[in-house]
């Protein structure tokens, strides 16, 4: 079963075909800039163009988005235009691609892929997936079951939000060294551990493609694992969620 997954971020949109049976990408990963301003109309216009670049795909589409998602609507908009607040994302995505679409939180999508096929496969206990990019996305699993729409990137740290302290974007904007940035990540992991006592942290997002550069500097009482799919996890998980929602009920 080959389905299209689309993962919208604050700076880029990623898309590709996912082989749901084999748990691997069935196409090259397409990456395009997120339109600015990132209001619904230009984003969905870009999504429609992306779908047309994968003419071999059919069936439902998974659409991962950086927002709390309830009943197919965006409830938050931390790293995209606030015009998304209350927007019917599932309906808009379906109109853009011309077929059914599932709208879900982007970190939840990434976590689903990692728990099914990747770093969290066959892992029991409490697992927290963290994606470091424009912000910090999060997904928490207990014995493989997702608790959706966590927003742990907004945990209070140093008088502000954690993602304003330790997101990958902050490293770039402030010109932090790997050592300086990873020290901030360690502070964040420690705060998360004090609250949830996870057994495993999975570190994902685009920065995980350079995991070997900062892995020796990471510190936590929980086991730390790199995301298997790195920047592809959201695309894979979005396609998986669409398959589960529309085709396997």
C-alpha atoms as a PDB file:
ATOM      1  CA  UNK A   1       0.000   0.000   0.000  1.00  0.00           C
ATOM      2  CA  UNK A   2       1.582   3.251  -1.201  1.00  0.00           C
ATOM      3  CA  UNK A   3       0.189   6.498   0.213  1.00  0.00           C
ATOM      4  CA  UNK A   4       1.194  10.156   0.070  1.00  0.00           C
ATOM      5  CA  UNK A   5       2.333  11.856   3.260  1.00  0.00           C
ATOM      6  CA  UNK A   6       2.743  15.628   3.590  1.00  0.00           C
ATOM      7  CA  UNK A   7       4.474  17.284   6.555  1.00  0.00           C
ATOM      8  CA  UNK A   8       4.122  21.056   6.917  1.00  0.00           C
ATOM      9  CA  UNK A   9       6.665  22.879   9.078  1.00  0.00           C
ATOM     10  CA  UNK A  10       7.342  26.478   9.885  1.00  0.00           C
ATOM     11  CA  UNK A  11      10.117  26.718   7.283  1.00  0.00           C
ATOM     12  CA  UNK A  12       9.549  23.834   4.852  1.00  0.00           C
ATOM     13  CA  UNK A  13       6.977  21.397   3.531  1.00  0.00           C
ATOM     14  CA  UNK A  14       8.106  17.797   3.055  1.00  0.00           C
ATOM     15  CA  UNK A  15       6.260  15.186   1.042  1.00  0.00           C
ATOM     16  CA  UNK A  16       6.754  11.714  -0.335  1.00  0.00           C
ATOM     17  CA  UNK A  17       5.226   8.324  -0.960  1.00  0.00           C
ATOM     18  CA  UNK A  18       5.302   5.840   1.899  1.00  0.00           C
ATOM     19  CA  UNK A  19       5.099   2.077   1.575  1.00  0.00           C
ATOM     20  CA  UNK A  20       2.864   1.261   4.530  1.00  0.00           C
ATOM     21  CA  UNK A  21       3.446  -2.479   4.340  1.00  0.00           C
ATOM     22  CA  UNK A  22       7.248  -2.296   4.215  1.00  0.00           C
ATOM     23  CA  UNK A  23       7.689   0.751   6.424  1.00  0.00           C
ATOM     24  CA  UNK A  24       9.917   2.691   4.052  1.00  0.00           C
ATOM     25  CA  UNK A  25       9.850   5.580   1.635  1.00  0.00           C
ATOM     26  CA  UNK A  26       8.660   4.635  -1.839  1.00  0.00           C
ATOM     27  CA  UNK A  27       9.871   7.872  -3.457  1.00  0.00           C
ATOM     28  CA  UNK A  28      12.422  10.592  -3.005  1.00  0.00           C
ATOM     29  CA  UNK A  29      11.591  13.115  -0.289  1.00  0.00           C
ATOM     30  CA  UNK A  30      10.366  16.389  -1.780  1.00  0.00           C
ATOM     31  CA  UNK A  31      11.201  19.515   0.231  1.00  0.00           C
ATOM     32  CA  UNK A  32       9.892  22.982  -0.662  1.00  0.00           C
ATOM     33  CA  UNK A  33       9.841  26.220   1.360  1.00  0.00           C
ATOM     34  CA  UNK A  34       6.726  26.936   3.361  1.00  0.00           C
ATOM     35  CA  UNK A  35       4.994  29.937   1.757  1.00  0.00           C
ATOM     36  CA  UNK A  36       5.360  33.205   3.629  1.00  0.00           C
ATOM     37  CA  UNK A  37       3.071  34.373   5.037  1.00  0.00           C
ATOM     38  CA  UNK A  38       2.041  30.820   5.925  1.00  0.00           C
ATOM     39  CA  UNK A  39      -1.704  31.471   5.798  1.00  0.00           C
ATOM     40  CA  UNK A  40      -4.056  28.628   4.761  1.00  0.00           C
ATOM     41  CA  UNK A  41      -4.608  29.715   1.149  1.00  0.00           C
ATOM     42  CA  UNK A  42      -0.964  29.788  -0.090  1.00  0.00           C
ATOM     43  CA  UNK A  43      -0.038  26.723   1.974  1.00  0.00           C
ATOM     44  CA  UNK A  44      -2.902  24.703   0.514  1.00  0.00           C
ATOM     45  CA  UNK A  45      -2.130  25.955  -2.981  1.00  0.00           C
ATOM     46  CA  UNK A  46       1.400  24.607  -2.522  1.00  0.00           C
ATOM     47  CA  UNK A  47       0.019  21.336  -1.131  1.00  0.00           C
ATOM     48  CA  UNK A  48      -2.131  20.930  -4.238  1.00  0.00           C
ATOM     49  CA  UNK A  49       0.923  21.442  -6.436  1.00  0.00           C
ATOM     50  CA  UNK A  50       2.882  18.916  -4.372  1.00  0.00           C
ATOM     51  CA  UNK A  51       0.156  16.278  -4.754  1.00  0.00           C
ATOM     52  CA  UNK A  52       0.249  16.713  -8.522  1.00  0.00           C
ATOM     53  CA  UNK A  53       3.984  15.941  -8.471  1.00  0.00           C
ATOM     54  CA  UNK A  54       3.157  12.425  -7.273  1.00  0.00           C
ATOM     55  CA  UNK A  55       0.773  11.234 -10.013  1.00  0.00           C
ATOM     56  CA  UNK A  56       1.306   7.586  -9.109  1.00  0.00           C
ATOM     57  CA  UNK A  57      -0.319   7.954  -5.701  1.00  0.00           C
ATOM     58  CA  UNK A  58      -3.961   7.302  -4.971  1.00  0.00           C
ATOM     59  CA  UNK A  59      -6.045   6.798  -1.874  1.00  0.00           C
ATOM     60  CA  UNK A  60      -6.143   9.016   1.202  1.00  0.00           C
ATOM     61  CA  UNK A  61      -3.423  11.488   2.114  1.00  0.00           C
ATOM     62  CA  UNK A  62      -1.879  12.103   5.512  1.00  0.00           C
ATOM     63  CA  UNK A  63      -1.348  15.770   6.338  1.00  0.00           C
ATOM     64  CA  UNK A  64       0.881  16.521   9.337  1.00  0.00           C
ATOM     65  CA  UNK A  65       0.776  20.055  10.709  1.00  0.00           C
ATOM     66  CA  UNK A  66       2.432  21.984  13.584  1.00  0.00           C
ATOM     67  CA  UNK A  67      -0.721  22.433  15.622  1.00  0.00           C
ATOM     68  CA  UNK A  68      -2.945  20.829  18.189  1.00  0.00           C
ATOM     69  CA  UNK A  69      -5.619  19.192  16.033  1.00  0.00           C
ATOM     70  CA  UNK A  70      -9.147  18.548  17.301  1.00  0.00           C
ATOM     71  CA  UNK A  71     -11.962  17.305  15.084  1.00  0.00           C
ATOM     72  CA  UNK A  72      -9.966  18.122  11.966  1.00  0.00           C
ATOM     73  CA  UNK A  73      -9.316  21.730  12.975  1.00  0.00           C
ATOM     74  CA  UNK A  74      -6.135  23.580  13.928  1.00  0.00           C
ATOM     75  CA  UNK A  75      -6.345  24.798  17.523  1.00  0.00           C
ATOM     76  CA  UNK A  76      -2.890  26.375  17.875  1.00  0.00           C
ATOM     77  CA  UNK A  77      -0.455  28.110  15.528  1.00  0.00           C
ATOM     78  CA  UNK A  78       2.857  28.621  17.297  1.00  0.00           C
ATOM     79  CA  UNK A  79       5.117  28.437  14.216  1.00  0.00           C
ATOM     80  CA  UNK A  80       2.685  29.221  11.391  1.00  0.00           C
ATOM     81  CA  UNK A  81       0.409  32.167  10.655  1.00  0.00           C
ATOM     82  CA  UNK A  82      -2.332  32.697  13.232  1.00  0.00           C
ATOM     83  CA  UNK A  83      -4.885  32.654  10.416  1.00  0.00           C
ATOM     84  CA  UNK A  84      -4.768  28.872  10.901  1.00  0.00           C
ATOM     85  CA  UNK A  85      -6.492  29.114  14.288  1.00  0.00           C
ATOM     86  CA  UNK A  86      -9.803  27.302  13.928  1.00  0.00           C
ATOM     87  CA  UNK A  87      -9.153  26.463  10.278  1.00  0.00           C
ATOM     88  CA  UNK A  88     -10.730  23.186   9.048  1.00  0.00           C
ATOM     89  CA  UNK A  89      -7.408  21.639   8.072  1.00  0.00           C
ATOM     90  CA  UNK A  90      -8.800  18.231   7.123  1.00  0.00           C
ATOM     91  CA  UNK A  91     -11.374  19.799   4.809  1.00  0.00           C
ATOM     92  CA  UNK A  92      -8.883  22.205   3.247  1.00  0.00           C
ATOM     93  CA  UNK A  93      -6.329  19.451   2.681  1.00  0.00           C
ATOM     94  CA  UNK A  94      -8.940  17.202   1.110  1.00  0.00           C
ATOM     95  CA  UNK A  95      -9.976  19.973  -1.268  1.00  0.00           C
ATOM     96  CA  UNK A  96      -6.354  20.702  -2.162  1.00  0.00           C
ATOM     97  CA  UNK A  97      -5.445  17.108  -3.037  1.00  0.00           C
ATOM     98  CA  UNK A  98      -8.836  16.021  -4.379  1.00  0.00           C
ATOM     99  CA  UNK A  99      -9.281  13.015  -2.085  1.00  0.00           C
ATOM    100  CA  UNK A 100      -9.758  12.192   1.600  1.00  0.00           C
ATOM    101  CA  UNK A 101      -7.126  13.637   3.906  1.00  0.00           C
ATOM    102  CA  UNK A 102      -6.309  13.092   7.560  1.00  0.00           C
ATOM    103  CA  UNK A 103      -5.105  16.152   9.464  1.00  0.00           C
ATOM    104  CA  UNK A 104      -2.912  15.502  12.516  1.00  0.00           C
ATOM    105  CA  UNK A 105      -0.201  17.007  14.685  1.00  0.00           C
ATOM    106  CA  UNK A 106       3.218  16.784  13.048  1.00  0.00           C
ATOM    107  CA  UNK A 107       5.135  15.402  16.037  1.00  0.00           C
ATOM    108  CA  UNK A 108       2.385  12.839  16.616  1.00  0.00           C
ATOM    109  CA  UNK A 109       2.859  11.733  13.002  1.00  0.00           C
ATOM    110  CA  UNK A 110       6.629  11.442  13.457  1.00  0.00           C
ATOM    111  CA  UNK A 111       6.155   9.471  16.658  1.00  0.00           C
ATOM    112  CA  UNK A 112       3.731   7.051  15.025  1.00  0.00           C
ATOM    113  CA  UNK A 113       6.296   6.224  12.351  1.00  0.00           C
ATOM    114  CA  UNK A 114       9.086   5.733  14.868  1.00  0.00           C
ATOM    115  CA  UNK A 115       6.959   3.535  17.132  1.00  0.00           C
ATOM    116  CA  UNK A 116       5.703   1.368  14.282  1.00  0.00           C
ATOM    117  CA  UNK A 117       8.895   0.917  12.270  1.00  0.00           C
ATOM    118  CA  UNK A 118      11.737   2.912  13.767  1.00  0.00           C
ATOM    119  CA  UNK A 119      13.546   3.713  16.995  1.00  0.00           C
ATOM    120  CA  UNK A 120      10.552   2.909  19.205  1.00  0.00           C
ATOM    121  CA  UNK A 121       9.542  -0.376  17.586  1.00  0.00           C
ATOM    122  CA  UNK A 122       8.616  -3.057  20.170  1.00  0.00           C
ATOM    123  CA  UNK A 123       9.401  -0.647  23.023  1.00  0.00           C
ATOM    124  CA  UNK A 124       7.139  -0.749  26.078  1.00  0.00           C
ATOM    125  CA  UNK A 125       6.942   1.744  28.910  1.00  0.00           C
ATOM    126  CA  UNK A 126       6.895   5.498  28.416  1.00  0.00           C
ATOM    127  CA  UNK A 127       8.498   6.835  25.235  1.00  0.00           C
ATOM    128  CA  UNK A 128       8.732  10.526  24.364  1.00  0.00           C
ATOM    129  CA  UNK A 129       9.492  11.584  20.816  1.00  0.00           C
ATOM    130  CA  UNK A 130      10.951  15.089  20.495  1.00  0.00           C
ATOM    131  CA  UNK A 131      11.446  16.846  17.171  1.00  0.00           C
ATOM    132  CA  UNK A 132      13.899  19.743  17.079  1.00  0.00           C
ATOM    133  CA  UNK A 133      13.340  22.176  14.221  1.00  0.00           C
ATOM    134  CA  UNK A 134      11.686  25.591  13.982  1.00  0.00           C
ATOM    135  CA  UNK A 135      10.128  24.684  17.327  1.00  0.00           C
ATOM    136  CA  UNK A 136      10.107  21.579  19.495  1.00  0.00           C
ATOM    137  CA  UNK A 137       7.419  19.029  18.751  1.00  0.00           C
ATOM    138  CA  UNK A 138       6.508  16.218  21.104  1.00  0.00           C
ATOM    139  CA  UNK A 139       4.648  12.915  21.172  1.00  0.00           C
ATOM    140  CA  UNK A 140       4.272  10.652  24.180  1.00  0.00           C
ATOM    141  CA  UNK A 141       3.478   6.942  24.101  1.00  0.00           C
ATOM    142  CA  UNK A 142       2.651   4.537  26.896  1.00  0.00           C
ATOM    143  CA  UNK A 143       3.157   0.907  25.890  1.00  0.00           C
ATOM    144  CA  UNK A 144       2.893   1.973  22.259  1.00  0.00           C
ATOM    145  CA  UNK A 145      -0.341   3.966  22.652  1.00  0.00           C
ATOM    146  CA  UNK A 146      -0.221   7.641  21.635  1.00  0.00           C
ATOM    147  CA  UNK A 147      -1.543  10.411  23.863  1.00  0.00           C
ATOM    148  CA  UNK A 148      -2.200  12.985  21.113  1.00  0.00           C
ATOM    149  CA  UNK A 149      -1.601  16.718  20.962  1.00  0.00           C
ATOM    150  CA  UNK A 150       1.044  17.190  23.624  1.00  0.00           C
ATOM    151  CA  UNK A 151       2.786  20.520  23.329  1.00  0.00           C
ATOM    152  CA  UNK A 152       5.864  20.019  25.462  1.00  0.00           C
ATOM    153  CA  UNK A 153       7.810  22.521  23.379  1.00  0.00           C
ATOM    154  CA  UNK A 154       5.872  25.183  25.271  1.00  0.00           C
ATOM    155  CA  UNK A 155       7.074  23.994  28.671  1.00  0.00           C
ATOM    156  CA  UNK A 156       8.312  26.984  30.686  1.00  0.00           C
ATOM    157  CA  UNK A 157      12.097  27.278  30.773  1.00  0.00           C
ATOM    158  CA  UNK A 158      14.329  30.197  31.726  1.00  0.00           C
ATOM    159  CA  UNK A 159      11.320  32.519  31.895  1.00  0.00           C
ATOM    160  CA  UNK A 160      10.076  31.619  28.412  1.00  0.00           C
ATOM    161  CA  UNK A 161       9.060  28.667  26.292  1.00  0.00           C
ATOM    162  CA  UNK A 162      11.390  25.690  25.937  1.00  0.00           C
ATOM    163  CA  UNK A 163      11.392  25.878  22.139  1.00  0.00           C
ATOM    164  CA  UNK A 164      12.632  29.464  22.354  1.00  0.00           C
ATOM    165  CA  UNK A 165      15.566  28.129  24.367  1.00  0.00           C
ATOM    166  CA  UNK A 166      16.467  24.818  22.718  1.00  0.00           C
ATOM    167  CA  UNK A 167      14.900  24.454  19.252  1.00  0.00           C
ATOM    168  CA  UNK A 168      17.285  23.836  16.349  1.00  0.00           C
ATOM    169  CA  UNK A 169      16.272  27.239  14.980  1.00  0.00           C
ATOM    170  CA  UNK A 170      17.732  28.856  18.109  1.00  0.00           C
ATOM    171  CA  UNK A 171      21.101  27.222  17.462  1.00  0.00           C
ATOM    172  CA  UNK A 172      21.144  28.718  13.987  1.00  0.00           C
ATOM    173  CA  UNK A 173      19.866  32.155  14.930  1.00  0.00           C
ATOM    174  CA  UNK A 174      22.275  32.582  17.845  1.00  0.00           C
ATOM    175  CA  UNK A 175      25.223  30.871  16.164  1.00  0.00           C
ATOM    176  CA  UNK A 176      25.565  28.399  19.031  1.00  0.00           C
ATOM    177  CA  UNK A 177      28.190  25.686  18.918  1.00  0.00           C
ATOM    178  CA  UNK A 178      27.053  22.080  19.177  1.00  0.00           C
ATOM    179  CA  UNK A 179      28.283  22.027  22.761  1.00  0.00           C
ATOM    180  CA  UNK A 180      26.374  25.196  23.678  1.00  0.00           C
ATOM    181  CA  UNK A 181      23.164  24.069  22.009  1.00  0.00           C
ATOM    182  CA  UNK A 182      23.304  20.532  23.384  1.00  0.00           C
ATOM    183  CA  UNK A 183      23.703  21.917  26.908  1.00  0.00           C
ATOM    184  CA  UNK A 184      20.353  23.637  26.380  1.00  0.00           C
ATOM    185  CA  UNK A 185      18.830  20.417  25.071  1.00  0.00           C
ATOM    186  CA  UNK A 186      20.113  18.595  28.164  1.00  0.00           C
ATOM    187  CA  UNK A 187      18.415  21.184  30.387  1.00  0.00           C
ATOM    188  CA  UNK A 188      15.188  20.539  28.520  1.00  0.00           C
ATOM    189  CA  UNK A 189      15.514  16.759  28.733  1.00  0.00           C
ATOM    190  CA  UNK A 190      16.116  17.042  32.457  1.00  0.00           C
ATOM    191  CA  UNK A 191      12.962  19.140  32.888  1.00  0.00           C
ATOM    192  CA  UNK A 192      10.962  16.632  30.843  1.00  0.00           C
ATOM    193  CA  UNK A 193      12.346  13.733  32.877  1.00  0.00           C
ATOM    194  CA  UNK A 194      11.374  15.355  36.183  1.00  0.00           C
ATOM    195  CA  UNK A 195       7.775  15.613  34.942  1.00  0.00           C
ATOM    196  CA  UNK A 196       7.235  12.318  33.109  1.00  0.00           C
ATOM    197  CA  UNK A 197      10.029   9.871  34.021  1.00  0.00           C
ATOM    198  CA  UNK A 198      10.207   8.386  30.501  1.00  0.00           C
ATOM    199  CA  UNK A 199      12.079   5.199  29.753  1.00  0.00           C
ATOM    200  CA  UNK A 200      13.215   6.431  26.323  1.00  0.00           C
ATOM    201  CA  UNK A 201      13.646   9.747  24.535  1.00  0.00           C
ATOM    202  CA  UNK A 202      13.668   9.603  20.720  1.00  0.00           C
ATOM    203  CA  UNK A 203      15.398  12.637  19.207  1.00  0.00           C
ATOM    204  CA  UNK A 204      14.040  13.596  15.796  1.00  0.00           C
ATOM    205  CA  UNK A 205      13.445  16.491  13.461  1.00  0.00           C
ATOM    206  CA  UNK A 206      15.799  17.755  10.792  1.00  0.00           C
ATOM    207  CA  UNK A 207      18.643  18.141  13.309  1.00  0.00           C
ATOM    208  CA  UNK A 208      18.681  14.380  13.854  1.00  0.00           C
ATOM    209  CA  UNK A 209      20.392  14.050  10.470  1.00  0.00           C
ATOM    210  CA  UNK A 210      23.467  15.409  12.266  1.00  0.00           C
ATOM    211  CA  UNK A 211      22.909  13.304  15.373  1.00  0.00           C
ATOM    212  CA  UNK A 212      26.455  11.955  15.477  1.00  0.00           C
ATOM    213  CA  UNK A 213      27.790  15.496  15.912  1.00  0.00           C
ATOM    214  CA  UNK A 214      25.972  16.103  19.196  1.00  0.00           C
ATOM    215  CA  UNK A 215      25.077  12.608  20.454  1.00  0.00           C
ATOM    216  CA  UNK A 216      28.199  12.267  22.670  1.00  0.00           C
ATOM    217  CA  UNK A 217      27.155  15.466  24.456  1.00  0.00           C
ATOM    218  CA  UNK A 218      23.596  14.378  25.318  1.00  0.00           C
ATOM    219  CA  UNK A 219      22.844  13.528  28.939  1.00  0.00           C
ATOM    220  CA  UNK A 220      19.706  12.041  30.483  1.00  0.00           C
ATOM    221  CA  UNK A 221      18.632   9.477  33.045  1.00  0.00           C
ATOM    222  CA  UNK A 222      16.438   7.993  30.299  1.00  0.00           C
ATOM    223  CA  UNK A 223      17.801   6.107  27.302  1.00  0.00           C
ATOM    224  CA  UNK A 224      18.291   8.389  24.299  1.00  0.00           C
ATOM    225  CA  UNK A 225      17.817   7.085  20.757  1.00  0.00           C
ATOM    226  CA  UNK A 226      18.102   8.868  17.400  1.00  0.00           C
ATOM    227  CA  UNK A 227      15.032   8.850  15.179  1.00  0.00           C
ATOM    228  CA  UNK A 228      15.338   6.166  12.518  1.00  0.00           C
ATOM    229  CA  UNK A 229      13.568   8.246   9.877  1.00  0.00           C
ATOM    230  CA  UNK A 230      15.122  11.610  10.786  1.00  0.00           C
ATOM    231  CA  UNK A 231      13.396  14.290   8.690  1.00  0.00           C
ATOM    232  CA  UNK A 232      11.205  11.728   6.911  1.00  0.00           C
ATOM    233  CA  UNK A 233       9.336  10.631  10.040  1.00  0.00           C
ATOM    234  CA  UNK A 234       6.469  13.116   9.693  1.00  0.00           C
ATOM    235  CA  UNK A 235       5.813  12.079   6.103  1.00  0.00           C
ATOM    236  CA  UNK A 236       5.904   8.383   6.965  1.00  0.00           C
ATOM    237  CA  UNK A 237       3.712   8.789  10.028  1.00  0.00           C
ATOM    238  CA  UNK A 238       1.172  10.979   8.243  1.00  0.00           C
ATOM    239  CA  UNK A 239       0.726   8.334   5.545  1.00  0.00           C
ATOM    240  CA  UNK A 240       0.470   5.600   8.194  1.00  0.00           C
ATOM    241  CA  UNK A 241      -2.172   7.541  10.137  1.00  0.00           C
ATOM    242  CA  UNK A 242      -4.211   8.062   6.959  1.00  0.00           C
ATOM    243  CA  UNK A 243      -4.089   4.349   6.219  1.00  0.00           C
ATOM    244  CA  UNK A 244      -5.177   3.466   9.750  1.00  0.00           C
ATOM    245  CA  UNK A 245      -7.994   6.025   9.725  1.00  0.00           C
ATOM    246  CA  UNK A 246      -9.490   5.493   6.298  1.00  0.00           C
ATOM    247  CA  UNK A 247      -8.542   1.976   5.213  1.00  0.00           C
ATOM    248  CA  UNK A 248      -8.230  -0.218   8.292  1.00  0.00           C
ATOM    249  CA  UNK A 249     -11.298   0.592  10.323  1.00  0.00           C
END
